[in-house]
């Protein structure tokens, strides 16, 4: 366990049980979401590379704007 994670667990352990459970639920949901994304990318690495190449081509062709311009 990293020092930062230990520090977070120590801080959470001082909270009331219902807050601890709420934070634990958020962490578990985040871990499950990350697992799903990892599995999806593992099943389609060529698709992800194709999308990245397409995005770079659009950028090089001047078809993109910075986020500051989009706002």
Protein backbone atom coordinates (compact mmCIF):
# COMPACT_ATOMS: atom_id res chain seq x y z
CA UNK A 1 0.00 0.00 0.00
CA UNK A 2 1.32 3.43 -0.86
CA UNK A 3 1.85 6.08 1.77
CA UNK A 4 -0.82 8.29 0.22
CA UNK A 5 -3.40 5.51 0.26
CA UNK A 6 -2.54 4.69 3.87
CA UNK A 7 -2.96 8.37 4.77
CA UNK A 8 -6.37 8.39 3.04
CA UNK A 9 -7.50 5.24 4.85
CA UNK A 10 -6.35 6.67 8.16
CA UNK A 11 -8.35 9.83 7.53
CA UNK A 12 -11.44 7.92 6.43
CA UNK A 13 -11.27 5.63 9.46
CA UNK A 14 -11.94 8.67 11.68
CA UNK A 15 -15.25 9.38 9.92
CA UNK A 16 -18.65 8.05 10.97
CA UNK A 17 -19.46 4.56 9.62
CA UNK A 18 -22.01 5.80 7.08
CA UNK A 19 -19.42 8.18 5.54
CA UNK A 20 -16.86 5.38 5.51
CA UNK A 21 -19.33 3.17 3.64
CA UNK A 22 -20.16 5.95 1.19
CA UNK A 23 -16.49 6.52 0.38
CA UNK A 24 -15.85 2.79 0.15
CA UNK A 25 -18.72 2.52 -2.32
CA UNK A 26 -17.24 5.29 -4.45
CA UNK A 27 -13.83 3.61 -4.45
CA UNK A 28 -15.27 0.22 -5.40
CA UNK A 29 -17.35 1.77 -8.19
CA UNK A 30 -14.27 3.54 -9.54
CA UNK A 31 -12.26 0.31 -9.46
CA UNK A 32 -15.05 -1.54 -11.29
CA UNK A 33 -15.30 1.24 -13.89
CA UNK A 34 -11.54 1.15 -14.45
CA UNK A 35 -11.70 -2.63 -14.87
CA UNK A 36 -14.45 -2.30 -17.50
CA UNK A 37 -12.49 0.31 -19.46
CA UNK A 38 -9.33 -1.81 -19.32
CA UNK A 39 -11.22 -4.85 -20.58
CA UNK A 40 -12.85 -2.83 -23.37
CA UNK A 41 -9.53 -1.42 -24.54
CA UNK A 42 -7.88 -4.85 -24.33
CA UNK A 43 -10.56 -6.29 -26.63
CA UNK A 44 -10.10 -3.58 -29.25
CA UNK A 45 -6.56 -2.16 -29.22
CA UNK A 46 -6.63 -1.67 -33.00
CA UNK A 47 -9.82 0.39 -32.78
CA UNK A 48 -8.28 2.67 -30.16
CA UNK A 49 -5.14 3.11 -32.27
CA UNK A 50 -7.29 3.87 -35.33
CA UNK A 51 -9.20 6.52 -33.38
CA UNK A 52 -5.97 8.09 -32.16
CA UNK A 53 -4.54 8.16 -35.68
CA UNK A 54 -7.73 9.71 -37.01
CA UNK A 55 -7.65 12.40 -34.31
CA UNK A 56 -4.02 13.21 -35.07
CA UNK A 57 -4.74 13.43 -38.80
CA UNK A 58 -7.63 15.82 -38.15
CA UNK A 59 -5.41 17.93 -35.91
CA UNK A 60 -2.62 18.08 -38.49
CA UNK A 61 -5.16 19.05 -41.16
CA UNK A 62 -6.29 21.99 -39.02
CA UNK A 63 -9.73 20.52 -38.37
CA UNK A 64 -9.52 20.85 -34.58
CA UNK A 65 -9.68 23.72 -32.09
CA UNK A 66 -8.20 24.13 -28.66
CA UNK A 67 -10.56 23.69 -25.73
CA UNK A 68 -10.18 27.42 -24.98
CA UNK A 69 -11.46 28.26 -28.47
CA UNK A 70 -14.37 25.83 -28.17
CA UNK A 71 -15.69 27.60 -25.08
